[in-house]
PDB file of N, CA and C in Angstrom:
ATOM      1  N   UNK A   1     110.427  47.853  79.579  1.00  0.00           N
ATOM      2  CA  UNK A   1     110.875  47.886  80.955  1.00  0.00           C
ATOM      3  C   UNK A   1     112.324  47.411  80.987  1.00  0.00           C
ATOM      4  N   UNK A   2     113.195  48.170  81.651  1.00  0.00           N
ATOM      5  CA  UNK A   2     114.611  47.812  81.689  1.00  0.00           C
ATOM      6  C   UNK A   2     114.970  47.110  83.002  1.00  0.00           C
ATOM      7  N   UNK A   3     116.246  46.747  83.133  1.00  0.00           N
ATOM      8  CA  UNK A   3     116.700  45.981  84.300  1.00  0.00           C
ATOM      9  C   UNK A   3     116.508  46.751  85.608  1.00  0.00           C
ATOM     10  N   UNK A   4     116.741  48.072  85.579  1.00  0.00           N
ATOM     11  CA  UNK A   4     116.567  48.863  86.802  1.00  0.00           C
ATOM     12  C   UNK A   4     115.110  48.862  87.258  1.00  0.00           C
ATOM     13  N   UNK A   5     114.203  48.973  86.318  1.00  0.00           N
ATOM     14  CA  UNK A   5     112.789  48.961  86.680  1.00  0.00           C
ATOM     15  C   UNK A   5     112.386  47.606  87.256  1.00  0.00           C
ATOM     16  N   UNK A   6     112.851  46.522  86.646  1.00  0.00           N
ATOM     17  CA  UNK A   6     112.521  45.191  87.152  1.00  0.00           C
ATOM     18  C   UNK A   6     113.118  44.945  88.534  1.00  0.00           C
ATOM     19  N   UNK A   7     114.367  45.321  88.703  1.00  0.00           N
ATOM     20  CA  UNK A   7     115.017  45.157  89.997  1.00  0.00           C
ATOM     21  C   UNK A   7     114.338  46.008  91.065  1.00  0.00           C
ATOM     22  N   UNK A   8     113.969  47.228  90.706  1.00  0.00           N
ATOM     23  CA  UNK A   8     113.268  48.106  91.638  1.00  0.00           C
ATOM     24  C   UNK A   8     111.914  47.549  92.036  1.00  0.00           C
ATOM     25  N   UNK A   9     111.214  46.956  91.073  1.00  0.00           N
ATOM     26  CA  UNK A   9     109.924  46.339  91.381  1.00  0.00           C
ATOM     27  C   UNK A   9     110.109  45.180  92.359  1.00  0.00           C
ATOM     28  N   UNK A  10     111.165  44.405  92.157  1.00  0.00           N
ATOM     29  CA  UNK A  10     111.455  43.297  93.074  1.00  0.00           C
ATOM     30  C   UNK A  10     111.742  43.788  94.483  1.00  0.00           C
ATOM     31  N   UNK A  11     112.546  44.848  94.606  1.00  0.00           N
ATOM     32  CA  UNK A  11     112.839  45.418  95.932  1.00  0.00           C
ATOM     33  C   UNK A  11     111.582  45.963  96.592  1.00  0.00           C
ATOM     34  N   UNK A  12     110.738  46.600  95.787  1.00  0.00           N
ATOM     35  CA  UNK A  12     109.499  47.169  96.324  1.00  0.00           C
ATOM     36  C   UNK A  12     108.599  46.065  96.877  1.00  0.00           C
ATOM     37  N   UNK A  13     108.448  44.993  96.116  1.00  0.00           N
ATOM     38  CA  UNK A  13     107.595  43.884  96.555  1.00  0.00           C
ATOM     39  C   UNK A  13     108.184  43.208  97.790  1.00  0.00           C
ATOM     40  N   UNK A  14     109.497  42.985  97.779  1.00  0.00           N
ATOM     41  CA  UNK A  14     110.149  42.378  98.936  1.00  0.00           C
ATOM     42  C   UNK A  14     109.978  43.261 100.171  1.00  0.00           C
ATOM     43  N   UNK A  15     110.083  44.569  99.984  1.00  0.00           N
ATOM     44  CA  UNK A  15     109.890  45.495 101.094  1.00  0.00           C
ATOM     45  C   UNK A  15     108.480  45.442 101.649  1.00  0.00           C
ATOM     46  N   UNK A  16     107.498  45.309 100.758  1.00  0.00           N
ATOM     47  CA  UNK A  16     106.111  45.205 101.217  1.00  0.00           C
ATOM     48  C   UNK A  16     105.907  43.941 102.036  1.00  0.00           C
ATOM     49  N   UNK A  17     106.512  42.840 101.583  1.00  0.00           N
ATOM     50  CA  UNK A  17     106.392  41.572 102.313  1.00  0.00           C
ATOM     51  C   UNK A  17     107.036  41.704 103.686  1.00  0.00           C
ATOM     52  N   UNK A  18     108.235  42.294 103.748  1.00  0.00           N
ATOM     53  CA  UNK A  18     108.922  42.466 105.029  1.00  0.00           C
ATOM     54  C   UNK A  18     108.131  43.378 105.967  1.00  0.00           C
ATOM     55  N   UNK A  19     107.579  44.449 105.423  1.00  0.00           N
ATOM     56  CA  UNK A  19     106.805  45.359 106.271  1.00  0.00           C
ATOM     57  C   UNK A  19     105.583  44.653 106.836  1.00  0.00           C
ATOM     58  N   UNK A  20     104.901  43.903 105.985  1.00  0.00           N
ATOM     59  CA  UNK A  20     103.714  43.161 106.447  1.00  0.00           C
ATOM     60  C   UNK A  20     104.098  42.129 107.502  1.00  0.00           C
ATOM     61  N   UNK A  21     105.199  41.412 107.272  1.00  0.00           N
ATOM     62  CA  UNK A  21     105.649  40.425 108.254  1.00  0.00           C
ATOM     63  C   UNK A  21     106.020  41.105 109.567  1.00  0.00           C
ATOM     64  N   UNK A  22     106.656  42.258 109.473  1.00  0.00           N
ATOM     65  CA  UNK A  22     106.988  43.003 110.682  1.00  0.00           C
ATOM     66  C   UNK A  22     105.753  43.479 111.423  1.00  0.00           C
ATOM     67  N   UNK A  23     104.711  43.885 110.689  1.00  0.00           N
ATOM     68  CA  UNK A  23     103.468  44.305 111.328  1.00  0.00           C
ATOM     69  C   UNK A  23     102.796  43.137 112.031  1.00  0.00           C
ATOM     70  N   UNK A  24     102.788  41.992 111.370  1.00  0.00           N
ATOM     71  CA  UNK A  24     102.101  40.816 111.926  1.00  0.00           C
ATOM     72  C   UNK A  24     102.831  40.301 113.162  1.00  0.00           C
ATOM     73  N   UNK A  25     104.157  40.247 113.111  1.00  0.00           N
ATOM     74  CA  UNK A  25     104.924  39.698 114.227  1.00  0.00           C
ATOM     75  C   UNK A  25     105.269  40.741 115.286  1.00  0.00           C
ATOM     76  N   UNK A  26     105.043  41.999 114.988  1.00  0.00           N
ATOM     77  CA  UNK A  26     105.385  43.058 115.936  1.00  0.00           C
ATOM     78  C   UNK A  26     106.868  43.382 115.947  1.00  0.00           C
ATOM     79  N   UNK A  27     107.578  42.979 114.920  1.00  0.00           N
ATOM     80  CA  UNK A  27     109.010  43.215 114.809  1.00  0.00           C
ATOM     81  C   UNK A  27     109.236  44.549 114.101  1.00  0.00           C
ATOM     82  N   UNK A  28     109.561  45.571 114.868  1.00  0.00           N
ATOM     83  CA  UNK A  28     109.723  46.905 114.281  1.00  0.00           C
ATOM     84  C   UNK A  28     110.962  46.998 113.392  1.00  0.00           C
ATOM     85  N   UNK A  29     111.987  46.207 113.683  1.00  0.00           N
ATOM     86  CA  UNK A  29     113.190  46.208 112.851  1.00  0.00           C
ATOM     87  C   UNK A  29     112.876  45.680 111.449  1.00  0.00           C
ATOM     88  N   UNK A  30     112.145  44.587 111.380  1.00  0.00           N
ATOM     89  CA  UNK A  30     111.750  44.015 110.098  1.00  0.00           C
ATOM     90  C   UNK A  30     110.820  44.957 109.349  1.00  0.00           C
ATOM     91  N   UNK A  31     109.953  45.605 110.093  1.00  0.00           N
ATOM     92  CA  UNK A  31     109.038  46.578 109.500  1.00  0.00           C
ATOM     93  C   UNK A  31     109.820  47.742 108.890  1.00  0.00           C
ATOM     94  N   UNK A  32     110.825  48.226 109.599  1.00  0.00           N
ATOM     95  CA  UNK A  32     111.668  49.313 109.098  1.00  0.00           C
ATOM     96  C   UNK A  32     112.453  48.896 107.864  1.00  0.00           C
ATOM     97  N   UNK A  33     112.969  47.659 107.867  1.00  0.00           N
ATOM     98  CA  UNK A  33     113.675  47.158 106.687  1.00  0.00           C
ATOM     99  C   UNK A  33     112.742  47.123 105.481  1.00  0.00           C
ATOM    100  N   UNK A  34     111.497  46.760 105.734  1.00  0.00           N
ATOM    101  CA  UNK A  34     110.518  46.705 104.650  1.00  0.00           C
ATOM    102  C   UNK A  34     110.244  48.071 104.052  1.00  0.00           C
ATOM    103  N   UNK A  35     110.082  49.055 104.899  1.00  0.00           N
ATOM    104  CA  UNK A  35     109.826  50.416 104.422  1.00  0.00           C
ATOM    105  C   UNK A  35     111.042  50.938 103.649  1.00  0.00           C
ATOM    106  N   UNK A  36     112.238  50.666 104.178  1.00  0.00           N
ATOM    107  CA  UNK A  36     113.459  51.093 103.484  1.00  0.00           C
ATOM    108  C   UNK A  36     113.589  50.395 102.135  1.00  0.00           C
ATOM    109  N   UNK A  37     113.241  49.116 102.090  1.00  0.00           N
ATOM    110  CA  UNK A  37     113.289  48.383 100.828  1.00  0.00           C
ATOM    111  C   UNK A  37     112.318  48.942  99.805  1.00  0.00           C
ATOM    112  N   UNK A  38     111.140  49.312 100.278  1.00  0.00           N
ATOM    113  CA  UNK A  38     110.153  49.902  99.374  1.00  0.00           C
ATOM    114  C   UNK A  38     110.654  51.221  98.805  1.00  0.00           C
ATOM    115  N   UNK A  39     111.243  52.047  99.662  1.00  0.00           N
ATOM    116  CA  UNK A  39     111.755  53.345  99.197  1.00  0.00           C
ATOM    117  C   UNK A  39     112.881  53.169  98.184  1.00  0.00           C
ATOM    118  N   UNK A  40     113.797  52.252  98.463  1.00  0.00           N
ATOM    119  CA  UNK A  40     114.893  52.054  97.512  1.00  0.00           C
ATOM    120  C   UNK A  40     114.374  51.442  96.218  1.00  0.00           C
ATOM    121  N   UNK A  41     113.370  50.586  96.309  1.00  0.00           N
ATOM    122  CA  UNK A  41     112.780  50.015  95.104  1.00  0.00           C
ATOM    123  C   UNK A  41     112.092  51.066  94.251  1.00  0.00           C
ATOM    124  N   UNK A  42     111.362  51.954  94.893  1.00  0.00           N
ATOM    125  CA  UNK A  42     110.687  53.027  94.153  1.00  0.00           C
ATOM    126  C   UNK A  42     111.712  53.957  93.502  1.00  0.00           C
ATOM    127  N   UNK A  43     112.792  54.254  94.217  1.00  0.00           N
ATOM    128  CA  UNK A  43     113.835  55.112  93.651  1.00  0.00           C
ATOM    129  C   UNK A  43     114.494  54.440  92.454  1.00  0.00           C
ATOM    130  N   UNK A  44     114.748  53.140  92.550  1.00  0.00           N
ATOM    131  CA  UNK A  44     115.375  52.444  91.434  1.00  0.00           C
ATOM    132  C   UNK A  44     114.429  52.355  90.237  1.00  0.00           C
ATOM    133  N   UNK A  45     113.129  52.158  90.503  1.00  0.00           N
ATOM    134  CA  UNK A  45     112.162  52.149  89.398  1.00  0.00           C
ATOM    135  C   UNK A  45     112.113  53.513  88.718  1.00  0.00           C
ATOM    136  N   UNK A  46     112.142  54.580  89.500  1.00  0.00           N
ATOM    137  CA  UNK A  46     112.122  55.930  88.926  1.00  0.00           C
ATOM    138  C   UNK A  46     113.383  56.184  88.100  1.00  0.00           C
ATOM    139  N   UNK A  47     114.535  55.732  88.595  1.00  0.00           N
ATOM    140  CA  UNK A  47     115.777  55.879  87.844  1.00  0.00           C
ATOM    141  C   UNK A  47     115.700  55.109  86.528  1.00  0.00           C
ATOM    142  N   UNK A  48     115.167  53.906  86.582  1.00  0.00           N
ATOM    143  CA  UNK A  48     115.019  53.112  85.367  1.00  0.00           C
ATOM    144  C   UNK A  48     114.092  53.763  84.364  1.00  0.00           C
ATOM    145  N   UNK A  49     112.999  54.326  84.859  1.00  0.00           N
ATOM    146  CA  UNK A  49     112.060  55.006  83.968  1.00  0.00           C
ATOM    147  C   UNK A  49     112.706  56.240  83.342  1.00  0.00           C
ATOM    148  N   UNK A  50     113.490  56.970  84.124  1.00  0.00           N
ATOM    149  CA  UNK A  50     114.151  58.165  83.597  1.00  0.00           C
ATOM    150  C   UNK A  50     115.189  57.796  82.543  1.00  0.00           C
ATOM    151  N   UNK A  51     115.982  56.757  82.801  1.00  0.00           N
ATOM    152  CA  UNK A  51     116.979  56.368  81.809  1.00  0.00           C
ATOM    153  C   UNK A  51     116.319  55.862  80.535  1.00  0.00           C
ATOM    154  N   UNK A  52     115.199  55.182  80.687  1.00  0.00           N
ATOM    155  CA  UNK A  52     114.470  54.709  79.508  1.00  0.00           C
ATOM    156  C   UNK A  52     113.888  55.881  78.722  1.00  0.00           C
ATOM    157  N   UNK A  53     113.389  56.878  79.436  1.00  0.00           N
ATOM    158  CA  UNK A  53     112.791  58.029  78.769  1.00  0.00           C
ATOM    159  C   UNK A  53     113.839  58.840  78.007  1.00  0.00           C
ATOM    160  N   UNK A  54     115.041  58.944  78.568  1.00  0.00           N
ATOM    161  CA  UNK A  54     116.084  59.747  77.938  1.00  0.00           C
ATOM    162  C   UNK A  54     116.988  58.950  77.014  1.00  0.00           C
ATOM    163  N   UNK A  55     116.763  57.649  76.901  1.00  0.00           N
ATOM    164  CA  UNK A  55     117.646  56.835  76.064  1.00  0.00           C
ATOM    165  C   UNK A  55     117.533  57.201  74.587  1.00  0.00           C
ATOM    166  N   UNK A  56     116.363  57.660  74.158  1.00  0.00           N
ATOM    167  CA  UNK A  56     116.188  58.057  72.769  1.00  0.00           C
ATOM    168  C   UNK A  56     116.545  59.504  72.522  1.00  0.00           C
ATOM    169  N   UNK A  57     117.053  60.182  73.516  1.00  0.00           N
ATOM    170  CA  UNK A  57     117.372  61.600  73.390  1.00  0.00           C
ATOM    171  C   UNK A  57     116.158  62.434  73.759  1.00  0.00           C
ATOM    172  N   UNK A  58     116.339  63.730  73.843  1.00  0.00           N
ATOM    173  CA  UNK A  58     115.245  64.607  74.237  1.00  0.00           C
ATOM    174  C   UNK A  58     114.402  65.044  73.051  1.00  0.00           C
ATOM    175  N   UNK A  59     114.846  64.781  71.842  1.00  0.00           N
ATOM    176  CA  UNK A  59     114.110  65.182  70.643  1.00  0.00           C
ATOM    177  C   UNK A  59     112.678  64.661  70.603  1.00  0.00           C
ATOM    178  N   UNK A  60     112.468  63.360  70.821  1.00  0.00           N
ATOM    179  CA  UNK A  60     111.093  62.850  70.799  1.00  0.00           C
ATOM    180  C   UNK A  60     110.198  63.475  71.874  1.00  0.00           C
ATOM    181  N   UNK A  61     110.777  63.774  73.046  1.00  0.00           N
ATOM    182  CA  UNK A  61     109.963  64.376  74.106  1.00  0.00           C
ATOM    183  C   UNK A  61     109.569  65.806  73.743  1.00  0.00           C
ATOM    184  N   UNK A  62     110.465  66.513  73.088  1.00  0.00           N
ATOM    185  CA  UNK A  62     110.144  67.873  72.656  1.00  0.00           C
ATOM    186  C   UNK A  62     109.009  67.840  71.640  1.00  0.00           C
ATOM    187  N   UNK A  63     109.071  66.890  70.716  1.00  0.00           N
ATOM    188  CA  UNK A  63     108.005  66.754  69.718  1.00  0.00           C
ATOM    189  C   UNK A  63     106.677  66.382  70.371  1.00  0.00           C
ATOM    190  N   UNK A  64     106.715  65.526  71.379  1.00  0.00           N
ATOM    191  CA  UNK A  64     105.487  65.176  72.105  1.00  0.00           C
ATOM    192  C   UNK A  64     104.919  66.397  72.816  1.00  0.00           C
ATOM    193  N   UNK A  65     105.771  67.197  73.419  1.00  0.00           N
ATOM    194  CA  UNK A  65     105.303  68.397  74.106  1.00  0.00           C
ATOM    195  C   UNK A  65     104.690  69.380  73.123  1.00  0.00           C
ATOM    196  N   UNK A  66     105.311  69.533  71.969  1.00  0.00           N
ATOM    197  CA  UNK A  66     104.756  70.436  70.951  1.00  0.00           C
ATOM    198  C   UNK A  66     103.410  69.924  70.456  1.00  0.00           C
ATOM    199  N   UNK A  67     103.307  68.627  70.230  1.00  0.00           N
ATOM    200  CA  UNK A  67     102.040  68.043  69.788  1.00  0.00           C
ATOM    201  C   UNK A  67     100.946  68.229  70.823  1.00  0.00           C
ATOM    202  N   UNK A  68     101.302  68.061  72.095  1.00  0.00           N
ATOM    203  CA  UNK A  68     100.328  68.260  73.170  1.00  0.00           C
ATOM    204  C   UNK A  68      99.855  69.704  73.195  1.00  0.00           C
ATOM    205  N   UNK A  69     100.789  70.644  73.041  1.00  0.00           N
ATOM    206  CA  UNK A  69     100.435  72.065  73.069  1.00  0.00           C
ATOM    207  C   UNK A  69      99.549  72.435  71.879  1.00  0.00           C
ATOM    208  N   UNK A  70      99.773  71.800  70.725  1.00  0.00           N
ATOM    209  CA  UNK A  70      98.932  72.083  69.561  1.00  0.00           C
ATOM    210  C   UNK A  70      97.525  71.514  69.732  1.00  0.00           C
ATOM    211  N   UNK A  71      97.438  70.303  70.301  1.00  0.00           N
ATOM    212  CA  UNK A  71      96.134  69.651  70.467  1.00  0.00           C
ATOM    213  C   UNK A  71      95.323  70.267  71.598  1.00  0.00           C
ATOM    214  N   UNK A  72      96.007  70.641  72.661  1.00  0.00           N
ATOM    215  CA  UNK A  72      95.321  71.139  73.862  1.00  0.00           C
ATOM    216  C   UNK A  72      96.002  72.415  74.356  1.00  0.00           C
ATOM    217  N   UNK A  73      95.771  73.522  73.681  1.00  0.00           N
ATOM    218  CA  UNK A  73      96.496  74.741  74.060  1.00  0.00           C
ATOM    219  C   UNK A  73      96.117  75.256  75.451  1.00  0.00           C
ATOM    220  N   UNK A  74      94.851  75.111  75.835  1.00  0.00           N
ATOM    221  CA  UNK A  74      94.446  75.610  77.160  1.00  0.00           C
ATOM    222  C   UNK A  74      95.040  74.756  78.274  1.00  0.00           C
ATOM    223  N   UNK A  75      95.080  73.454  78.060  1.00  0.00           N
ATOM    224  CA  UNK A  75      95.691  72.569  79.056  1.00  0.00           C
ATOM    225  C   UNK A  75      97.186  72.838  79.166  1.00  0.00           C
ATOM    226  N   UNK A  76      97.843  73.091  78.027  1.00  0.00           N
ATOM    227  CA  UNK A  76      99.277  73.406  78.044  1.00  0.00           C
ATOM    228  C   UNK A  76      99.532  74.715  78.786  1.00  0.00           C
ATOM    229  N   UNK A  77      98.678  75.712  78.560  1.00  0.00           N
ATOM    230  CA  UNK A  77      98.842  76.995  79.253  1.00  0.00           C
ATOM    231  C   UNK A  77      98.616  76.827  80.753  1.00  0.00           C
ATOM    232  N   UNK A  78      97.616  76.035  81.120  1.00  0.00           N
ATOM    233  CA  UNK A  78      97.345  75.794  82.537  1.00  0.00           C
ATOM    234  C   UNK A  78      98.516  75.061  83.192  1.00  0.00           C
ATOM    235  N   UNK A  79      99.055  74.075  82.503  1.00  0.00           N
ATOM    236  CA  UNK A  79     100.202  73.340  83.024  1.00  0.00           C
ATOM    237  C   UNK A  79     101.406  74.255  83.203  1.00  0.00           C
ATOM    238  N   UNK A  80     101.657  75.106  82.219  1.00  0.00           N
ATOM    239  CA  UNK A  80     102.764  76.048  82.325  1.00  0.00           C
ATOM    240  C   UNK A  80     102.565  77.001  83.501  1.00  0.00           C
ATOM    241  N   UNK A  81     101.325  77.435  83.716  1.00  0.00           N
ATOM    242  CA  UNK A  81     101.040  78.312  84.849  1.00  0.00           C
ATOM    243  C   UNK A  81     101.273  77.632  86.185  1.00  0.00           C
ATOM    244  N   UNK A  82     100.852  76.381  86.293  1.00  0.00           N
ATOM    245  CA  UNK A  82     101.035  75.636  87.540  1.00  0.00           C
ATOM    246  C   UNK A  82     102.520  75.421  87.818  1.00  0.00           C
ATOM    247  N   UNK A  83     103.271  75.053  86.789  1.00  0.00           N
ATOM    248  CA  UNK A  83     104.712  74.856  86.967  1.00  0.00           C
ATOM    249  C   UNK A  83     105.378  76.178  87.339  1.00  0.00           C
ATOM    250  N   UNK A  84     104.963  77.258  86.700  1.00  0.00           N
ATOM    251  CA  UNK A  84     105.521  78.564  87.024  1.00  0.00           C
ATOM    252  C   UNK A  84     105.262  78.967  88.464  1.00  0.00           C
ATOM    253  N   UNK A  85     104.031  78.740  88.934  1.00  0.00           N
ATOM    254  CA  UNK A  85     103.710  79.050  90.328  1.00  0.00           C
ATOM    255  C   UNK A  85     104.508  78.185  91.294  1.00  0.00           C
ATOM    256  N   UNK A  86     104.687  76.915  90.945  1.00  0.00           N
ATOM    257  CA  UNK A  86     105.468  76.031  91.810  1.00  0.00           C
ATOM    258  C   UNK A  86     106.914  76.506  91.912  1.00  0.00           C
ATOM    259  N   UNK A  87     107.475  76.921  90.786  1.00  0.00           N
ATOM    260  CA  UNK A  87     108.855  77.420  90.797  1.00  0.00           C
ATOM    261  C   UNK A  87     108.945  78.706  91.617  1.00  0.00           C
ATOM    262  N   UNK A  88     107.990  79.615  91.426  1.00  0.00           N
ATOM    263  CA  UNK A  88     108.006  80.859  92.200  1.00  0.00           C
ATOM    264  C   UNK A  88     107.884  80.598  93.693  1.00  0.00           C
ATOM    265  N   UNK A  89     106.985  79.700  94.077  1.00  0.00           N
ATOM    266  CA  UNK A  89     106.821  79.385  95.497  1.00  0.00           C
ATOM    267  C   UNK A  89     108.071  78.724  96.060  1.00  0.00           C
ATOM    268  N   UNK A  90     108.717  77.898  95.273  1.00  0.00           N
ATOM    269  CA  UNK A  90     109.945  77.258  95.733  1.00  0.00           C
ATOM    270  C   UNK A  90     111.050  78.286  95.928  1.00  0.00           C
ATOM    271  N   UNK A  91     111.198  79.164  94.975  1.00  0.00           N
ATOM    272  CA  UNK A  91     112.235  80.185  95.087  1.00  0.00           C
ATOM    273  C   UNK A  91     111.945  81.166  96.218  1.00  0.00           C
ATOM    274  N   UNK A  92     110.691  81.495  96.402  1.00  0.00           N
ATOM    275  CA  UNK A  92     110.320  82.437  97.469  1.00  0.00           C
ATOM    276  C   UNK A  92     110.591  81.837  98.841  1.00  0.00           C
ATOM    277  N   UNK A  93     110.457  80.524  98.962  1.00  0.00           N
ATOM    278  CA  UNK A  93     110.678  79.868 100.257  1.00  0.00           C
ATOM    279  C   UNK A  93     112.135  79.700 100.602  1.00  0.00           C
ATOM    280  N   UNK A  94     113.052  79.932  99.662  1.00  0.00           N
ATOM    281  CA  UNK A  94     114.478  79.711  99.919  1.00  0.00           C
ATOM    282  C   UNK A  94     115.212  80.961 100.360  1.00  0.00           C
ATOM    283  N   UNK A  95     114.552  81.997 100.746  1.00  0.00           N
ATOM    284  CA  UNK A  95     115.218  83.240 101.162  1.00  0.00           C
ATOM    285  C   UNK A  95     115.921  83.088 102.463  1.00  0.00           C
TER     286      UNK A  95
END
């Protein structure tokens, strides 16, 4: 776990506390700050996870994908089909 993930977790927890306090006291401003804090914390955790995943380069991920496809060819084909349909639906909706 890197610094971005830890910091993001802290923001997420702080946001949850603020949202709960806002709910209990009826303070909508505090509640909104809590929700915003949670969102920024989740985004920072995702950024930290992505940087950690790509820190070793894409080579290890390619090897993992190949290993997965060799071990579970039907699951790999199903996953590829689902991703393909998602891309087609996304492109079709942008006309």
